[in-house]
């Protein structure tokens, strides 16, 4: 009787092995996915990426400056160029900037660059921010090939009562690059209590 019970026990253990292996694999995959998610959250929220390119002061265009504010109305149509001709190509120096910890009434700013790597003029048709607490000053609305427009994004922490919160604010840029007609730049700040 005892041998028969032991044989049944061995058989049931053999049958359970594939399920056990499956459970171990699911556990390992879950740990890896959680580790990757944690790494992504840490990277995207707390690290500062280096600008994608450098430029010289003589590359900056300063014609037809304008300010982007928070308004979501319809803008002018994007003046795309003929598909069979030269095209502009928009490149942004950074897509994300973390101001870090700031005071509840601080006004902070960061300058970004927009470069035209194409063969035709890059036209910014419209730009707007995601909140009234943020504005963006552009040095130009038309950027010749190989040139750069600077964009100074200004965030006013005292515009809203956002003490004790981490806030993200964005700038949306509509342009005539047919492959990227809308480009976004995002900032983040941990607003303190002072």
Protein backbone atom coordinates (compact mmCIF):
# COMPACT_ATOMS: atom_id res chain seq x y z
CA UNK A 1 0.00 0.00 0.00
CA UNK A 2 2.82 2.34 0.91
CA UNK A 3 4.62 1.71 -2.43
CA UNK A 4 1.44 2.38 -4.38
CA UNK A 5 0.99 5.73 -2.57
CA UNK A 6 4.63 6.68 -3.27
CA UNK A 7 4.21 5.82 -6.98
CA UNK A 8 1.10 8.03 -7.16
CA UNK A 9 2.98 10.81 -5.43
CA UNK A 10 5.87 10.54 -7.93
CA UNK A 11 3.42 10.53 -10.87
CA UNK A 12 1.62 13.62 -9.54
CA UNK A 13 4.97 15.40 -9.09
CA UNK A 14 5.90 14.57 -12.68
CA UNK A 15 2.63 15.99 -13.91
CA UNK A 16 3.10 19.16 -11.86
CA UNK A 17 6.57 19.94 -13.23
CA UNK A 18 5.45 21.65 -16.48
CA UNK A 19 3.02 23.79 -14.48
CA UNK A 20 5.73 24.63 -11.96
CA UNK A 21 8.13 25.56 -14.76
CA UNK A 22 5.44 27.72 -16.31
CA UNK A 23 4.80 29.49 -13.02
CA UNK A 24 8.54 30.10 -12.56
CA UNK A 25 8.79 31.51 -16.10
CA UNK A 26 5.80 33.79 -15.52
CA UNK A 27 7.39 34.95 -12.27
CA UNK A 28 10.70 35.72 -13.97
CA UNK A 29 9.01 37.55 -16.84
CA UNK A 30 6.96 39.58 -14.36
CA UNK A 31 10.07 40.61 -12.44
CA UNK A 32 11.85 41.62 -15.66
CA UNK A 33 8.83 43.64 -16.88
CA UNK A 34 8.54 45.41 -13.52
CA UNK A 35 12.27 46.18 -13.50
CA UNK A 36 12.08 47.61 -17.03
CA UNK A 37 9.02 49.69 -16.12
CA UNK A 38 10.75 51.06 -13.03
CA UNK A 39 13.86 51.90 -15.05
CA UNK A 40 11.76 53.70 -17.68
CA UNK A 41 9.85 55.71 -15.08
CA UNK A 42 13.09 56.67 -13.37
CA UNK A 43 14.73 57.64 -16.66
CA UNK A 44 11.80 59.58 -18.09
CA UNK A 45 10.99 61.46 -14.90
CA UNK A 46 14.30 62.09 -13.22
CA UNK A 47 17.12 62.20 -15.71
CA UNK A 48 18.17 64.99 -17.99
CA UNK A 49 19.03 63.99 -21.54
CA UNK A 50 21.80 65.87 -23.26
CA UNK A 51 20.76 68.17 -26.14
CA UNK A 52 20.78 66.37 -29.49
CA UNK A 53 22.94 68.99 -31.20
CA UNK A 54 25.11 72.04 -30.63
CA UNK A 55 24.97 75.25 -32.66
CA UNK A 56 26.75 78.58 -32.94
CA UNK A 57 25.28 82.04 -32.31
CA UNK A 58 25.55 82.88 -36.02
CA UNK A 59 23.22 79.95 -36.81
CA UNK A 60 20.32 81.54 -34.86
CA UNK A 61 17.61 83.24 -36.94
CA UNK A 62 16.03 86.32 -35.35
CA UNK A 63 13.34 87.36 -37.83
CA UNK A 64 9.60 87.39 -37.19
CA UNK A 65 9.80 86.50 -33.47
CA UNK A 66 6.58 85.46 -31.73
CA UNK A 67 5.24 84.17 -28.41
CA UNK A 68 3.25 80.97 -27.98
CA UNK A 69 0.59 80.99 -25.29
CA UNK A 70 -2.11 78.63 -24.09
CA UNK A 71 -4.91 78.69 -26.65
CA UNK A 72 -6.41 75.72 -28.32
CA UNK A 73 -8.25 77.43 -31.17
CA UNK A 74 -7.74 76.60 -34.81
CA UNK A 75 -4.64 78.04 -36.40
CA UNK A 76 -3.75 78.69 -40.01
CA UNK A 77 -3.33 75.76 -42.36
CA UNK A 78 0.18 74.36 -42.54
CA UNK A 79 1.87 75.53 -45.77
CA UNK A 80 3.24 72.17 -46.93
CA UNK A 81 5.52 72.28 -49.98
CA UNK A 82 5.04 70.23 -53.16
CA UNK A 83 5.80 66.59 -52.37
CA UNK A 84 8.19 66.21 -55.32
CA UNK A 85 10.37 69.18 -54.28
CA UNK A 86 12.83 69.98 -51.48
CA UNK A 87 11.41 69.59 -47.95
CA UNK A 88 12.20 71.02 -44.51
CA UNK A 89 13.18 68.72 -41.66
CA UNK A 90 12.57 69.77 -38.06
CA UNK A 91 14.99 68.70 -35.32
CA UNK A 92 14.52 69.77 -31.69
CA UNK A 93 17.51 69.95 -29.33
CA UNK A 94 15.55 68.39 -26.44
CA UNK A 95 12.06 66.94 -26.12
CA UNK A 96 12.04 66.95 -22.29
CA UNK A 97 13.57 69.12 -19.58
CA UNK A 98 13.24 68.67 -15.81
CA UNK A 99 13.49 71.91 -13.81
CA UNK A 100 13.83 69.82 -10.66
CA UNK A 101 12.56 71.18 -7.35
CA UNK A 102 11.39 74.82 -7.48
CA UNK A 103 9.57 77.19 -5.14
CA UNK A 104 5.80 77.70 -5.24
CA UNK A 105 6.20 81.21 -6.73
CA UNK A 106 9.31 80.66 -8.84
CA UNK A 107 9.45 81.56 -12.52
CA UNK A 108 11.88 79.30 -14.37
CA UNK A 109 12.93 79.10 -17.99
CA UNK A 110 14.82 76.88 -20.38
CA UNK A 111 15.97 77.57 -23.93
CA UNK A 112 15.56 74.92 -26.60
CA UNK A 113 16.67 75.00 -30.24
CA UNK A 114 14.79 74.07 -33.39
CA UNK A 115 17.03 73.31 -36.36
CA UNK A 116 16.06 72.88 -39.99
CA UNK A 117 18.02 69.91 -41.37
CA UNK A 118 16.05 69.95 -44.62
CA UNK A 119 16.56 71.55 -48.04
CA UNK A 120 13.63 74.01 -47.91
CA UNK A 121 12.55 76.68 -45.39
CA UNK A 122 10.88 75.37 -42.22
CA UNK A 123 7.77 77.36 -41.32
CA UNK A 124 6.21 77.28 -37.87
CA UNK A 125 2.51 77.77 -38.54
CA UNK A 126 1.33 77.71 -34.98
CA UNK A 127 2.63 76.96 -31.50
CA UNK A 128 0.79 76.81 -28.20
CA UNK A 129 1.39 75.71 -24.62
CA UNK A 130 -0.66 73.24 -22.60
CA UNK A 131 -1.36 75.65 -19.73
CA UNK A 132 -1.70 79.38 -19.07
CA UNK A 133 1.22 79.14 -16.62
CA UNK A 134 3.59 78.53 -19.54
CA UNK A 135 4.64 80.71 -22.48
CA UNK A 136 7.30 80.19 -25.14
CA UNK A 137 9.23 82.94 -26.93
CA UNK A 138 10.47 82.02 -30.43
CA UNK A 139 13.24 83.99 -32.16
CA UNK A 140 11.76 83.21 -35.60
CA UNK A 141 8.80 81.60 -37.33
CA UNK A 142 10.67 80.78 -40.57
CA UNK A 143 13.94 78.86 -40.41
CA UNK A 144 16.14 78.54 -43.52
CA UNK A 145 17.95 75.23 -44.19
CA UNK A 146 20.85 74.69 -41.78
CA UNK A 147 19.70 77.46 -39.42
CA UNK A 148 18.24 77.46 -35.90
CA UNK A 149 15.45 79.24 -34.02
CA UNK A 150 15.69 79.42 -30.24
CA UNK A 151 12.64 78.87 -28.06
CA UNK A 152 12.66 80.06 -24.45
CA UNK A 153 9.98 78.24 -22.48
CA UNK A 154 8.93 80.06 -19.28
CA UNK A 155 7.00 78.33 -16.48
CA UNK A 156 5.37 80.38 -13.69
CA UNK A 157 4.82 78.10 -10.67
CA UNK A 158 2.73 80.79 -8.94
CA UNK A 159 0.15 80.97 -11.76
CA UNK A 160 -1.79 78.12 -10.13
CA UNK A 161 -1.51 76.77 -6.60
CA UNK A 162 0.49 73.66 -7.42
CA UNK A 163 2.47 73.41 -4.17
CA UNK A 164 3.48 69.88 -3.33
CA UNK A 165 2.86 68.62 -6.87
CA UNK A 166 5.03 67.56 -9.75
CA UNK A 167 3.67 69.27 -12.84
CA UNK A 168 4.32 68.68 -16.54
CA UNK A 169 3.79 71.42 -19.11
CA UNK A 170 4.17 71.16 -22.85
CA UNK A 171 4.72 73.18 -25.99
CA UNK A 172 3.15 71.97 -29.24
CA UNK A 173 4.72 73.19 -32.49
CA UNK A 174 2.89 72.82 -35.83
CA UNK A 175 5.19 73.13 -38.84
CA UNK A 176 5.59 72.25 -42.52
CA UNK A 177 7.86 69.21 -42.14
CA UNK A 178 5.67 66.59 -43.87
CA UNK A 179 7.13 63.76 -41.78
CA UNK A 180 6.69 65.54 -38.42
CA UNK A 181 4.04 68.28 -38.75
CA UNK A 182 3.56 68.40 -34.99
CA UNK A 183 6.42 68.33 -32.49
CA UNK A 184 6.17 68.50 -28.71
CA UNK A 185 8.55 69.74 -26.02
CA UNK A 186 7.76 68.89 -22.39
CA UNK A 187 9.02 70.23 -19.08
CA UNK A 188 8.52 69.08 -15.52
CA UNK A 189 8.93 70.71 -12.10
CA UNK A 190 8.47 69.53 -8.53
CA UNK A 191 6.80 72.55 -6.94
CA UNK A 192 7.74 73.00 -3.28
CA UNK A 193 5.99 74.76 -0.43
CA UNK A 194 8.14 77.92 -0.13
